[in-house]
Amino acid sequence: MNLVKWDPFSEIEEMQRSLFGGPFFGPKSVSPTTDIYTNDDKELVVEAHMPGFSKDDIDVDVHEGVLEIKGEKHEKDEDKKKKYVMREMSSSFYRRVHLPAHADEGKIEAEMDNGVLKVVVPFKDLPKPKKIAISEKAKSKK
């Protein structure tokens, strides 16, 4: 026989989770794990890990050098056998990434795979430096 320590607040916390989807009232704000890195200085990659979200729950926008990733998910459950009428849960997040000046905003691509959103921002080719020839000044005779 195992003895389990009784926690007087566990029942209250369980009621809050079942009624409000968590320990706080109102919608839950989640912060997805986000990786931002470059591939060979040719593109910027943003990966946001969002298990439970689908591509329909997410918006990706770019405007004036800023990439915005927004997500919102609502779940509603009605169970007539329980004392409450409805159980509702809402999760949302917002992520803003400032893009470098040489980002090619017109060629940004995004894909969702197994709860991971991957946004690829290609870079424009930077102009190559122009070699300036150095001439020698003719020596004047005195």
C-alpha atoms as a PDB file:
ATOM      1  CA  MET A   1       0.000   0.000   0.000  1.00  0.00           C
ATOM      2  CA  ASN A   2       1.413   3.387  -1.049  1.00  0.00           C
ATOM      3  CA  LEU A   3       0.795   6.504   0.952  1.00  0.00           C
ATOM      4  CA  VAL A   4       0.194   9.699  -1.017  1.00  0.00           C
ATOM      5  CA  LYS A   5       0.629  13.085   0.619  1.00  0.00           C
ATOM      6  CA  TRP A   6      -2.643  15.002   0.529  1.00  0.00           C
ATOM      7  CA  ASP A   7      -2.515  18.436  -1.083  1.00  0.00           C
ATOM      8  CA  PRO A   8      -5.488  20.606  -0.033  1.00  0.00           C
ATOM      9  CA  PHE A   9      -5.070  22.870  -3.085  1.00  0.00           C
ATOM     10  CA  SER A  10      -4.910  20.131  -5.731  1.00  0.00           C
ATOM     11  CA  GLU A  11      -8.710  19.960  -6.061  1.00  0.00           C
ATOM     12  CA  ILE A  12      -8.953  23.741  -6.530  1.00  0.00           C
ATOM     13  CA  GLU A  13      -6.184  23.706  -9.157  1.00  0.00           C
ATOM     14  CA  GLU A  14      -7.906  20.835 -10.976  1.00  0.00           C
ATOM     15  CA  MET A  15     -11.181  22.796 -11.005  1.00  0.00           C
ATOM     16  CA  GLN A  16      -9.399  25.857 -12.435  1.00  0.00           C
ATOM     17  CA  ARG A  17      -7.776  23.725 -15.155  1.00  0.00           C
ATOM     18  CA  SER A  18     -11.074  22.138 -16.140  1.00  0.00           C
ATOM     19  CA  LEU A  19     -13.034  25.408 -16.079  1.00  0.00           C
ATOM     20  CA  PHE A  20     -10.514  27.891 -17.450  1.00  0.00           C
ATOM     21  CA  GLY A  21      -7.872  25.809 -19.216  1.00  0.00           C
ATOM     22  CA  GLY A  22      -5.134  26.689 -16.735  1.00  0.00           C
ATOM     23  CA  PRO A  23      -4.282  28.341 -13.441  1.00  0.00           C
ATOM     24  CA  PHE A  24      -5.156  31.860 -14.679  1.00  0.00           C
ATOM     25  CA  PHE A  25      -8.435  33.268 -15.891  1.00  0.00           C
ATOM     26  CA  GLY A  26      -8.797  34.175 -19.563  1.00  0.00           C
ATOM     27  CA  PRO A  27      -6.928  33.011 -22.648  1.00  0.00           C
ATOM     28  CA  LYS A  28      -3.553  31.400 -22.331  1.00  0.00           C
ATOM     29  CA  SER A  29      -0.660  33.073 -24.057  1.00  0.00           C
ATOM     30  CA  VAL A  30       2.004  30.651 -25.145  1.00  0.00           C
ATOM     31  CA  SER A  31       5.497  31.469 -26.261  1.00  0.00           C
ATOM     32  CA  PRO A  32       6.670  28.946 -28.827  1.00  0.00           C
ATOM     33  CA  THR A  33      10.299  27.940 -28.868  1.00  0.00           C
ATOM     34  CA  THR A  34      11.752  29.849 -31.797  1.00  0.00           C
ATOM     35  CA  ASP A  35      15.064  29.239 -33.570  1.00  0.00           C
ATOM     36  CA  ILE A  36      16.447  31.991 -35.830  1.00  0.00           C
ATOM     37  CA  TYR A  37      19.564  31.271 -37.878  1.00  0.00           C
ATOM     38  CA  THR A  38      21.196  31.832 -41.273  1.00  0.00           C
ATOM     39  CA  ASN A  39      22.189  29.261 -43.896  1.00  0.00           C
ATOM     40  CA  ASP A  40      25.536  30.121 -45.491  1.00  0.00           C
ATOM     41  CA  ASP A  41      24.656  33.830 -45.344  1.00  0.00           C
ATOM     42  CA  LYS A  42      22.169  33.200 -48.175  1.00  0.00           C
ATOM     43  CA  GLU A  43      18.934  33.067 -46.183  1.00  0.00           C
ATOM     44  CA  LEU A  44      17.427  33.650 -42.763  1.00  0.00           C
ATOM     45  CA  VAL A  45      15.421  30.791 -41.279  1.00  0.00           C
ATOM     46  CA  VAL A  46      12.840  31.159 -38.513  1.00  0.00           C
ATOM     47  CA  GLU A  47      11.537  27.931 -36.959  1.00  0.00           C
ATOM     48  CA  ALA A  48       8.719  28.162 -34.421  1.00  0.00           C
ATOM     49  CA  HIS A  49       7.801  24.978 -32.550  1.00  0.00           C
ATOM     50  CA  MET A  50       4.027  25.019 -32.013  1.00  0.00           C
ATOM     51  CA  PRO A  51       2.626  21.598 -31.166  1.00  0.00           C
ATOM     52  CA  GLY A  52      -1.138  21.467 -31.386  1.00  0.00           C
ATOM     53  CA  PHE A  53      -1.402  24.353 -33.853  1.00  0.00           C
ATOM     54  CA  SER A  54      -2.342  23.813 -37.489  1.00  0.00           C
ATOM     55  CA  LYS A  55      -1.455  26.019 -40.449  1.00  0.00           C
ATOM     56  CA  ASP A  56      -4.992  27.429 -40.320  1.00  0.00           C
ATOM     57  CA  ASP A  57      -4.322  28.754 -36.792  1.00  0.00           C
ATOM     58  CA  ILE A  58      -1.269  30.762 -37.919  1.00  0.00           C
ATOM     59  CA  ASP A  59      -0.725  33.985 -39.912  1.00  0.00           C
ATOM     60  CA  VAL A  60       2.657  34.995 -41.322  1.00  0.00           C
ATOM     61  CA  ASP A  61       3.015  38.576 -42.584  1.00  0.00           C
ATOM     62  CA  VAL A  62       5.892  40.786 -43.674  1.00  0.00           C
ATOM     63  CA  HIS A  63       5.743  44.572 -43.752  1.00  0.00           C
ATOM     64  CA  GLU A  64       8.493  47.194 -43.925  1.00  0.00           C
ATOM     65  CA  GLY A  65      11.295  44.853 -42.899  1.00  0.00           C
ATOM     66  CA  VAL A  66       9.439  43.072 -40.095  1.00  0.00           C
ATOM     67  CA  LEU A  67       8.284  39.441 -40.147  1.00  0.00           C
ATOM     68  CA  GLU A  68       5.242  38.827 -37.932  1.00  0.00           C
ATOM     69  CA  ILE A  69       4.054  35.387 -36.877  1.00  0.00           C
ATOM     70  CA  LYS A  70       0.711  35.262 -35.085  1.00  0.00           C
ATOM     71  CA  GLY A  71      -1.255  32.264 -33.915  1.00  0.00           C
ATOM     72  CA  GLU A  72      -4.577  31.790 -32.228  1.00  0.00           C
ATOM     73  CA  LYS A  73      -6.382  28.598 -31.385  1.00  0.00           C
ATOM     74  CA  HIS A  74      -9.787  28.127 -29.817  1.00  0.00           C
ATOM     75  CA  GLU A  75     -11.242  24.896 -28.536  1.00  0.00           C
ATOM     76  CA  LYS A  76     -14.773  24.453 -27.317  1.00  0.00           C
ATOM     77  CA  ASP A  77     -16.150  21.367 -25.619  1.00  0.00           C
ATOM     78  CA  GLU A  78     -19.651  20.809 -24.319  1.00  0.00           C
ATOM     79  CA  ASP A  79     -20.372  17.933 -21.987  1.00  0.00           C
ATOM     80  CA  LYS A  80     -23.949  17.657 -20.765  1.00  0.00           C
ATOM     81  CA  LYS A  81     -23.012  14.981 -18.192  1.00  0.00           C
ATOM     82  CA  LYS A  82     -20.813  17.384 -16.229  1.00  0.00           C
ATOM     83  CA  LYS A  83     -22.104  20.215 -14.073  1.00  0.00           C
ATOM     84  CA  TYR A  84     -20.673  22.989 -16.250  1.00  0.00           C
ATOM     85  CA  VAL A  85     -22.297  23.845 -19.554  1.00  0.00           C
ATOM     86  CA  MET A  86     -19.224  24.549 -21.657  1.00  0.00           C
ATOM     87  CA  ARG A  87     -15.456  24.215 -21.499  1.00  0.00           C
ATOM     88  CA  GLU A  88     -13.500  26.655 -23.609  1.00  0.00           C
ATOM     89  CA  MET A  89      -9.773  27.106 -24.165  1.00  0.00           C
ATOM     90  CA  SER A  90      -7.920  29.774 -26.100  1.00  0.00           C
ATOM     91  CA  SER A  91      -4.192  29.961 -26.873  1.00  0.00           C
ATOM     92  CA  SER A  92      -2.395  32.700 -28.727  1.00  0.00           C
ATOM     93  CA  PHE A  93       1.105  33.919 -29.508  1.00  0.00           C
ATOM     94  CA  TYR A  94       2.822  36.744 -31.350  1.00  0.00           C
ATOM     95  CA  ARG A  95       6.400  36.827 -32.603  1.00  0.00           C
ATOM     96  CA  ARG A  96       8.112  39.722 -34.406  1.00  0.00           C
ATOM     97  CA  VAL A  97      11.457  39.434 -36.201  1.00  0.00           C
ATOM     98  CA  HIS A  98      13.260  42.432 -37.709  1.00  0.00           C
ATOM     99  CA  LEU A  99      14.728  41.413 -41.063  1.00  0.00           C
ATOM    100  CA  PRO A 100      18.099  42.562 -42.389  1.00  0.00           C
ATOM    101  CA  ALA A 101      18.091  45.230 -45.105  1.00  0.00           C
ATOM    102  CA  HIS A 102      19.120  42.736 -47.805  1.00  0.00           C
ATOM    103  CA  ALA A 103      16.201  40.347 -47.121  1.00  0.00           C
ATOM    104  CA  ASP A 104      14.169  39.582 -50.258  1.00  0.00           C
ATOM    105  CA  GLU A 105      10.641  40.078 -48.880  1.00  0.00           C
ATOM    106  CA  GLY A 106       9.033  39.037 -52.179  1.00  0.00           C
ATOM    107  CA  LYS A 107      10.452  35.510 -52.016  1.00  0.00           C
ATOM    108  CA  ILE A 108       9.663  34.498 -48.426  1.00  0.00           C
ATOM    109  CA  GLU A 109       8.280  30.958 -48.061  1.00  0.00           C
ATOM    110  CA  ALA A 110       6.618  29.253 -45.085  1.00  0.00           C
ATOM    111  CA  GLU A 111       5.702  25.639 -44.401  1.00  0.00           C
ATOM    112  CA  MET A 112       4.245  23.718 -41.484  1.00  0.00           C
ATOM    113  CA  ASP A 113       5.497  20.211 -40.654  1.00  0.00           C
ATOM    114  CA  ASN A 114       4.613  18.252 -37.487  1.00  0.00           C
ATOM    115  CA  GLY A 115       3.942  21.346 -35.377  1.00  0.00           C
ATOM    116  CA  VAL A 116       7.006  23.255 -36.601  1.00  0.00           C
ATOM    117  CA  LEU A 117       6.522  26.374 -38.712  1.00  0.00           C
ATOM    118  CA  LYS A 118       9.551  27.070 -40.913  1.00  0.00           C
ATOM    119  CA  VAL A 119       9.837  30.477 -42.586  1.00  0.00           C
ATOM    120  CA  VAL A 120      12.695  30.963 -45.059  1.00  0.00           C
ATOM    121  CA  VAL A 121      13.713  34.528 -45.947  1.00  0.00           C
ATOM    122  CA  PRO A 122      16.189  34.576 -48.850  1.00  0.00           C
ATOM    123  CA  PHE A 123      18.752  37.359 -49.075  1.00  0.00           C
ATOM    124  CA  LYS A 124      19.227  39.518 -52.150  1.00  0.00           C
ATOM    125  CA  ASP A 125      22.611  39.290 -53.820  1.00  0.00           C
ATOM    126  CA  LEU A 126      24.680  42.130 -52.545  1.00  0.00           C
ATOM    127  CA  PRO A 127      26.575  44.104 -55.175  1.00  0.00           C
ATOM    128  CA  LYS A 128      30.182  43.029 -55.515  1.00  0.00           C
ATOM    129  CA  PRO A 129      32.753  45.684 -54.682  1.00  0.00           C
ATOM    130  CA  LYS A 130      34.172  47.444 -57.714  1.00  0.00           C
ATOM    131  CA  LYS A 131      37.930  47.402 -57.993  1.00  0.00           C
ATOM    132  CA  ILE A 132      39.340  50.897 -58.422  1.00  0.00           C
ATOM    133  CA  ALA A 133      42.525  51.153 -60.453  1.00  0.00           C
ATOM    134  CA  ILE A 134      45.247  53.271 -58.972  1.00  0.00           C
ATOM    135  CA  SER A 135      47.198  55.394 -61.418  1.00  0.00           C
ATOM    136  CA  GLU A 136      50.604  56.867 -60.901  1.00  0.00           C
ATOM    137  CA  LYS A 137      51.036  60.569 -61.135  1.00  0.00           C
ATOM    138  CA  ALA A 138      53.638  61.573 -63.702  1.00  0.00           C
ATOM    139  CA  LYS A 139      56.689  63.139 -62.137  1.00  0.00           C
ATOM    140  CA  SER A 140      57.318  66.694 -63.252  1.00  0.00           C
ATOM    141  CA  LYS A 141      60.827  67.812 -64.208  1.00  0.00           C
ATOM    142  CA  LYS A 142      62.302  70.863 -62.478  1.00  0.00           C
END
